[in-house]
């Protein structure tokens, strides 16, 4: 896979995975997002990125919830944490967790990541 490629892999019981390859970006290029129908399990296979998180309760909605895409986007907030995701590290984002992934650490680099989408209704 090359940067910009995304492949959807159907798993079982409504679970699916998104195989992604991309170049990390500057913080100002990212947006906080959250999901209502799925929990995200984001696992970096190769590369390094920063993922910021915040509680959706302290952020202002920028783009209202899109049911078809299962996403809400938020304006950047001041109450956020940063997490380094690198090979073998994964993060779990629940519906209350706004997350801004794919951010560069020191410089832009290529990242290979798998995002497993776990349907809330199956829990």
N, C-alpha and C. Protein backbone atom coordinates (compact mmCIF):
# COMPACT_ATOMS: atom_id res chain seq x y z
N UNK A 1 0.84 -1.18 0.00
CA UNK A 1 0.00 0.00 0.00
C UNK A 1 0.89 1.25 0.00
N UNK A 2 0.38 2.29 -0.63
CA UNK A 2 1.07 3.57 -0.73
C UNK A 2 0.35 4.61 0.12
N UNK A 3 1.04 5.72 0.49
CA UNK A 3 0.36 6.78 1.25
C UNK A 3 -0.92 7.21 0.56
N UNK A 4 -1.98 7.30 1.35
CA UNK A 4 -3.30 7.67 0.85
C UNK A 4 -4.20 6.48 0.61
N UNK A 5 -3.62 5.28 0.61
CA UNK A 5 -4.42 4.08 0.39
C UNK A 5 -5.18 3.68 1.66
N UNK A 6 -6.40 3.21 1.48
CA UNK A 6 -7.23 2.68 2.56
C UNK A 6 -7.92 1.44 2.02
N UNK A 7 -7.89 0.38 2.81
CA UNK A 7 -8.58 -0.86 2.41
C UNK A 7 -9.48 -1.30 3.56
N UNK A 8 -10.72 -1.58 3.24
CA UNK A 8 -11.67 -2.07 4.24
C UNK A 8 -11.65 -3.60 4.22
N UNK A 9 -11.55 -4.18 5.41
CA UNK A 9 -11.53 -5.63 5.56
C UNK A 9 -12.70 -6.03 6.45
N UNK A 10 -13.64 -6.80 5.91
CA UNK A 10 -14.79 -7.25 6.68
C UNK A 10 -14.35 -8.37 7.63
N UNK A 11 -14.73 -8.26 8.88
CA UNK A 11 -14.44 -9.28 9.86
C UNK A 11 -15.74 -10.00 10.18
N UNK A 12 -16.01 -10.34 11.42
CA UNK A 12 -17.26 -11.03 11.75
C UNK A 12 -18.11 -10.19 12.68
N UNK A 13 -19.40 -10.52 12.73
CA UNK A 13 -20.35 -9.90 13.66
C UNK A 13 -20.37 -8.37 13.58
N UNK A 14 -20.27 -7.82 12.37
CA UNK A 14 -20.34 -6.37 12.20
C UNK A 14 -19.04 -5.64 12.40
N UNK A 15 -17.99 -6.34 12.81
CA UNK A 15 -16.68 -5.72 12.95
C UNK A 15 -16.04 -5.59 11.58
N UNK A 16 -15.29 -4.51 11.40
CA UNK A 16 -14.48 -4.38 10.19
C UNK A 16 -13.22 -3.62 10.53
N UNK A 17 -12.24 -3.73 9.66
CA UNK A 17 -10.97 -3.05 9.86
C UNK A 17 -10.68 -2.17 8.66
N UNK A 18 -10.02 -1.06 8.93
CA UNK A 18 -9.56 -0.17 7.87
C UNK A 18 -8.03 -0.18 7.91
N UNK A 19 -7.44 -0.72 6.85
CA UNK A 19 -5.98 -0.69 6.70
C UNK A 19 -5.64 0.64 6.05
N UNK A 20 -4.74 1.41 6.68
CA UNK A 20 -4.45 2.76 6.21
C UNK A 20 -2.94 2.98 6.08
N UNK A 21 -2.56 3.76 5.09
CA UNK A 21 -1.19 4.22 4.94
C UNK A 21 -1.26 5.71 4.66
N UNK A 22 -0.50 6.51 5.43
CA UNK A 22 -0.55 7.96 5.24
C UNK A 22 0.70 8.61 5.79
N UNK A 23 0.87 9.86 5.44
CA UNK A 23 1.94 10.70 5.99
C UNK A 23 1.33 11.48 7.16
N UNK A 24 2.04 11.52 8.28
CA UNK A 24 1.54 12.28 9.42
C UNK A 24 1.52 13.77 9.07
N UNK A 25 0.66 14.50 9.79
CA UNK A 25 0.44 15.90 9.45
C UNK A 25 0.65 16.80 10.67
N UNK A 26 0.72 18.10 10.41
CA UNK A 26 0.85 19.08 11.49
C UNK A 26 -0.44 19.13 12.29
N UNK A 27 -0.33 19.51 13.55
CA UNK A 27 -1.50 19.57 14.44
C UNK A 27 -2.61 20.43 13.86
N UNK A 28 -2.27 21.56 13.26
CA UNK A 28 -3.29 22.47 12.73
C UNK A 28 -4.08 21.86 11.56
N UNK A 29 -3.56 20.79 10.96
CA UNK A 29 -4.25 20.13 9.85
C UNK A 29 -5.24 19.07 10.32
N UNK A 30 -5.16 18.68 11.59
CA UNK A 30 -6.04 17.63 12.11
C UNK A 30 -7.32 18.21 12.69
N UNK A 31 -8.30 17.32 12.91
CA UNK A 31 -9.55 17.72 13.55
C UNK A 31 -9.94 16.65 14.56
N UNK A 32 -10.50 17.11 15.68
CA UNK A 32 -11.06 16.18 16.65
C UNK A 32 -12.33 15.56 16.06
N UNK A 33 -12.51 14.28 16.31
CA UNK A 33 -13.70 13.56 15.83
C UNK A 33 -14.15 12.59 16.91
N UNK A 34 -15.41 12.19 16.82
CA UNK A 34 -15.92 11.12 17.69
C UNK A 34 -16.95 10.33 16.88
N UNK A 35 -17.27 9.16 17.40
CA UNK A 35 -18.20 8.25 16.73
C UNK A 35 -19.24 7.76 17.73
N UNK A 36 -20.43 7.49 17.25
CA UNK A 36 -21.51 7.00 18.12
C UNK A 36 -21.78 5.51 17.96
N UNK A 37 -21.60 4.99 16.75
CA UNK A 37 -21.95 3.60 16.47
C UNK A 37 -20.80 2.62 16.70
N UNK A 38 -19.57 3.12 16.68
CA UNK A 38 -18.41 2.24 16.76
C UNK A 38 -17.39 2.73 17.78
N UNK A 39 -16.72 1.79 18.39
CA UNK A 39 -15.51 2.04 19.16
C UNK A 39 -14.35 1.85 18.20
N UNK A 40 -13.38 2.74 18.22
CA UNK A 40 -12.18 2.61 17.39
C UNK A 40 -11.07 1.96 18.20
N UNK A 41 -10.46 0.93 17.64
CA UNK A 41 -9.21 0.39 18.16
C UNK A 41 -8.18 0.69 17.08
N UNK A 42 -7.28 1.63 17.36
CA UNK A 42 -6.31 2.07 16.38
C UNK A 42 -4.94 1.51 16.74
N UNK A 43 -4.39 0.69 15.86
CA UNK A 43 -3.10 0.03 16.09
C UNK A 43 -2.10 0.44 15.02
N UNK A 44 -1.01 1.04 15.44
CA UNK A 44 0.05 1.41 14.51
C UNK A 44 0.90 0.17 14.24
N UNK A 45 1.05 -0.16 12.98
CA UNK A 45 1.85 -1.31 12.57
C UNK A 45 3.30 -0.88 12.37
N UNK A 46 3.50 0.27 11.74
CA UNK A 46 4.84 0.82 11.53
C UNK A 46 4.74 2.33 11.48
N UNK A 47 5.77 3.00 12.02
CA UNK A 47 5.81 4.46 12.05
C UNK A 47 5.45 4.99 13.43
N UNK A 48 5.37 6.30 13.52
CA UNK A 48 5.06 7.00 14.77
C UNK A 48 4.09 8.12 14.48
N UNK A 49 3.15 8.31 15.39
CA UNK A 49 2.24 9.45 15.27
C UNK A 49 1.82 9.89 16.66
N UNK A 50 1.34 11.10 16.73
CA UNK A 50 0.72 11.62 17.95
C UNK A 50 -0.78 11.58 17.73
N UNK A 51 -1.51 11.12 18.74
CA UNK A 51 -2.97 11.19 18.75
C UNK A 51 -3.36 12.03 19.95
N UNK A 52 -4.12 13.07 19.72
CA UNK A 52 -4.63 13.90 20.83
C UNK A 52 -6.02 13.41 21.19
N UNK A 53 -6.36 13.54 22.47
CA UNK A 53 -7.69 13.16 22.93
C UNK A 53 -8.27 14.25 23.83
N UNK A 54 -9.58 14.27 23.88
CA UNK A 54 -10.31 15.18 24.75
C UNK A 54 -11.70 14.61 24.96
N UNK A 55 -12.35 15.00 26.04
CA UNK A 55 -13.73 14.60 26.30
C UNK A 55 -14.64 15.45 25.42
N UNK A 56 -15.60 14.81 24.76
CA UNK A 56 -16.49 15.57 23.87
C UNK A 56 -17.27 16.65 24.61
N UNK A 57 -17.42 16.50 25.92
CA UNK A 57 -18.19 17.47 26.71
C UNK A 57 -17.51 18.84 26.80
N UNK A 58 -16.19 18.89 26.58
CA UNK A 58 -15.47 20.16 26.71
C UNK A 58 -15.14 20.78 25.36
N UNK A 59 -15.59 20.16 24.27
CA UNK A 59 -15.32 20.68 22.93
C UNK A 59 -16.59 21.26 22.31
N UNK A 60 -16.40 22.13 21.33
CA UNK A 60 -17.50 22.73 20.60
C UNK A 60 -17.64 22.02 19.25
N UNK A 61 -18.86 21.62 18.94
CA UNK A 61 -19.11 20.93 17.66
C UNK A 61 -18.83 21.88 16.51
N UNK A 62 -18.06 21.40 15.55
CA UNK A 62 -17.77 22.16 14.34
C UNK A 62 -18.65 21.67 13.19
N UNK A 63 -18.76 20.35 13.04
CA UNK A 63 -19.61 19.73 12.03
C UNK A 63 -20.52 18.75 12.75
N UNK A 64 -21.83 18.97 12.73
CA UNK A 64 -22.76 18.10 13.45
C UNK A 64 -22.64 16.63 13.01
N UNK A 65 -23.18 15.76 13.84
CA UNK A 65 -23.11 14.32 13.61
C UNK A 65 -23.68 13.94 12.25
N UNK A 66 -22.91 13.16 11.51
CA UNK A 66 -23.32 12.60 10.23
C UNK A 66 -23.56 11.12 10.46
N UNK A 67 -24.84 10.72 10.48
CA UNK A 67 -25.19 9.34 10.80
C UNK A 67 -24.62 8.35 9.78
N UNK A 68 -24.63 8.71 8.52
CA UNK A 68 -24.13 7.80 7.49
C UNK A 68 -22.63 7.52 7.66
N UNK A 69 -21.87 8.56 8.00
CA UNK A 69 -20.42 8.41 8.17
C UNK A 69 -20.03 8.13 9.62
N UNK A 70 -21.00 8.21 10.54
CA UNK A 70 -20.78 8.01 11.97
C UNK A 70 -19.64 8.88 12.51
N UNK A 71 -19.76 10.18 12.29
CA UNK A 71 -18.71 11.07 12.77
C UNK A 71 -19.27 12.45 13.11
N UNK A 72 -18.73 13.01 14.17
CA UNK A 72 -18.92 14.40 14.55
C UNK A 72 -17.53 15.02 14.59
N UNK A 73 -17.37 16.23 14.06
CA UNK A 73 -16.10 16.94 14.13
C UNK A 73 -16.23 18.11 15.11
N UNK A 74 -15.11 18.42 15.79
CA UNK A 74 -15.10 19.45 16.83
C UNK A 74 -14.00 20.48 16.56
N UNK A 75 -14.23 21.67 17.08
CA UNK A 75 -13.19 22.70 17.07
C UNK A 75 -12.13 22.30 18.08
N UNK A 76 -10.92 22.73 17.84
CA UNK A 76 -9.82 22.43 18.74
C UNK A 76 -10.09 23.03 20.12
N UNK A 77 -9.71 22.31 21.15
CA UNK A 77 -9.90 22.78 22.51
C UNK A 77 -8.57 22.88 23.25
N UNK A 78 -8.61 23.46 24.42
CA UNK A 78 -7.38 23.60 25.20
C UNK A 78 -7.17 22.43 26.15
N UNK A 79 -8.24 21.70 26.47
CA UNK A 79 -8.16 20.57 27.39
C UNK A 79 -7.97 19.29 26.59
N UNK A 80 -6.69 18.96 26.32
CA UNK A 80 -6.41 17.78 25.51
C UNK A 80 -5.13 17.11 26.00
N UNK A 81 -5.04 15.83 25.70
CA UNK A 81 -3.85 15.05 26.05
C UNK A 81 -3.22 14.54 24.77
N UNK A 82 -1.93 14.29 24.80
CA UNK A 82 -1.23 13.76 23.65
C UNK A 82 -0.70 12.36 23.97
N UNK A 83 -0.79 11.47 22.98
CA UNK A 83 -0.35 10.09 23.14
C UNK A 83 0.52 9.73 21.94
N UNK A 84 1.67 9.14 22.21
CA UNK A 84 2.53 8.66 21.15
C UNK A 84 2.11 7.25 20.78
N UNK A 85 1.75 7.07 19.52
CA UNK A 85 1.42 5.74 19.01
C UNK A 85 2.55 5.33 18.07
N UNK A 86 3.13 4.18 18.33
CA UNK A 86 4.20 3.67 17.49
C UNK A 86 4.00 2.18 17.30
N UNK A 87 4.87 1.55 16.57
CA UNK A 87 4.73 0.14 16.24
C UNK A 87 4.42 -0.70 17.48
N UNK A 88 3.32 -1.44 17.41
CA UNK A 88 2.93 -2.31 18.52
C UNK A 88 2.07 -1.64 19.57
N UNK A 89 1.83 -0.35 19.45
CA UNK A 89 1.01 0.39 20.42
C UNK A 89 -0.37 0.61 19.81
N UNK A 90 -1.40 0.48 20.64
CA UNK A 90 -2.74 0.74 20.15
C UNK A 90 -3.49 1.64 21.12
N UNK A 91 -4.54 2.26 20.62
CA UNK A 91 -5.39 3.14 21.43
C UNK A 91 -6.84 2.75 21.18
N UNK A 92 -7.65 2.87 22.23
CA UNK A 92 -9.08 2.57 22.14
C UNK A 92 -9.84 3.87 22.38
N UNK A 93 -10.71 4.24 21.44
CA UNK A 93 -11.49 5.46 21.55
C UNK A 93 -12.97 5.11 21.61
N UNK A 94 -13.61 5.50 22.72
CA UNK A 94 -15.03 5.27 22.95
C UNK A 94 -15.83 6.49 22.46
N UNK A 95 -17.16 6.39 22.40
CA UNK A 95 -17.96 7.52 21.92
C UNK A 95 -17.73 8.84 22.67
N UNK A 96 -17.35 8.80 23.92
CA UNK A 96 -17.10 10.03 24.68
C UNK A 96 -15.71 10.60 24.44
N UNK A 97 -14.88 9.87 23.70
CA UNK A 97 -13.50 10.28 23.45
C UNK A 97 -13.36 10.95 22.09
N UNK A 98 -13.21 12.26 22.10
CA UNK A 98 -12.84 12.93 20.85
C UNK A 98 -11.37 12.63 20.63
N UNK A 99 -11.02 12.34 19.40
CA UNK A 99 -9.62 12.03 19.10
C UNK A 99 -9.20 12.70 17.81
N UNK A 100 -7.94 13.14 17.82
CA UNK A 100 -7.32 13.76 16.64
C UNK A 100 -6.05 12.97 16.35
N UNK A 101 -6.17 11.94 15.49
CA UNK A 101 -5.03 11.08 15.19
C UNK A 101 -4.20 11.61 14.01
N UNK A 102 -3.17 10.86 13.66
CA UNK A 102 -2.39 11.08 12.42
C UNK A 102 -1.48 12.30 12.49
N UNK A 103 -1.15 12.78 13.68
CA UNK A 103 -0.32 13.98 13.81
C UNK A 103 1.16 13.61 13.85
N UNK A 104 1.99 14.48 13.28
CA UNK A 104 3.42 14.19 13.25
C UNK A 104 4.06 14.45 14.61
N UNK A 105 5.08 13.68 14.87
CA UNK A 105 5.84 13.80 16.13
C UNK A 105 6.85 14.93 16.01
N UNK A 106 7.91 14.72 15.27
CA UNK A 106 8.93 15.76 15.03
C UNK A 106 8.93 16.22 13.58
N UNK A 107 8.63 15.28 12.70
CA UNK A 107 8.56 15.57 11.27
C UNK A 107 7.57 14.60 10.67
N UNK A 108 7.07 14.92 9.49
CA UNK A 108 6.11 14.05 8.83
C UNK A 108 6.79 12.73 8.46
N UNK A 109 6.07 11.63 8.68
CA UNK A 109 6.60 10.32 8.32
C UNK A 109 5.45 9.41 7.91
N UNK A 110 5.79 8.33 7.26
CA UNK A 110 4.78 7.39 6.80
C UNK A 110 4.34 6.49 7.96
N UNK A 111 3.03 6.26 8.05
CA UNK A 111 2.47 5.39 9.09
C UNK A 111 1.59 4.34 8.42
N UNK A 112 1.73 3.13 8.90
CA UNK A 112 0.86 2.01 8.51
C UNK A 112 0.03 1.70 9.74
N UNK A 113 -1.29 1.76 9.61
CA UNK A 113 -2.16 1.58 10.77
C UNK A 113 -3.38 0.77 10.40
N UNK A 114 -3.86 0.01 11.38
CA UNK A 114 -5.12 -0.70 11.26
C UNK A 114 -6.08 -0.11 12.28
N UNK A 115 -7.28 0.25 11.83
CA UNK A 115 -8.33 0.72 12.73
C UNK A 115 -9.45 -0.31 12.69
N UNK A 116 -9.68 -0.96 13.84
CA UNK A 116 -10.77 -1.92 13.95
C UNK A 116 -11.98 -1.18 14.50
N UNK A 117 -13.09 -1.30 13.81
CA UNK A 117 -14.34 -0.65 14.21
C UNK A 117 -15.23 -1.70 14.87
N UNK A 118 -15.50 -1.50 16.17
CA UNK A 118 -16.30 -2.43 16.96
C UNK A 118 -17.67 -1.81 17.18
N UNK A 119 -18.73 -2.44 16.66
CA UNK A 119 -20.07 -1.85 16.82
C UNK A 119 -20.51 -1.86 18.28
N UNK A 120 -20.98 -0.71 18.74
CA UNK A 120 -21.46 -0.56 20.12
C UNK A 120 -22.59 -1.54 20.40
N UNK A 121 -23.48 -1.73 19.43
CA UNK A 121 -24.66 -2.60 19.63
C UNK A 121 -24.29 -4.04 19.90
N UNK A 122 -23.07 -4.46 19.58
CA UNK A 122 -22.64 -5.84 19.80
C UNK A 122 -22.08 -6.05 21.21
N UNK A 123 -21.87 -4.97 21.94
CA UNK A 123 -21.28 -5.08 23.29
C UNK A 123 -22.33 -5.42 24.33
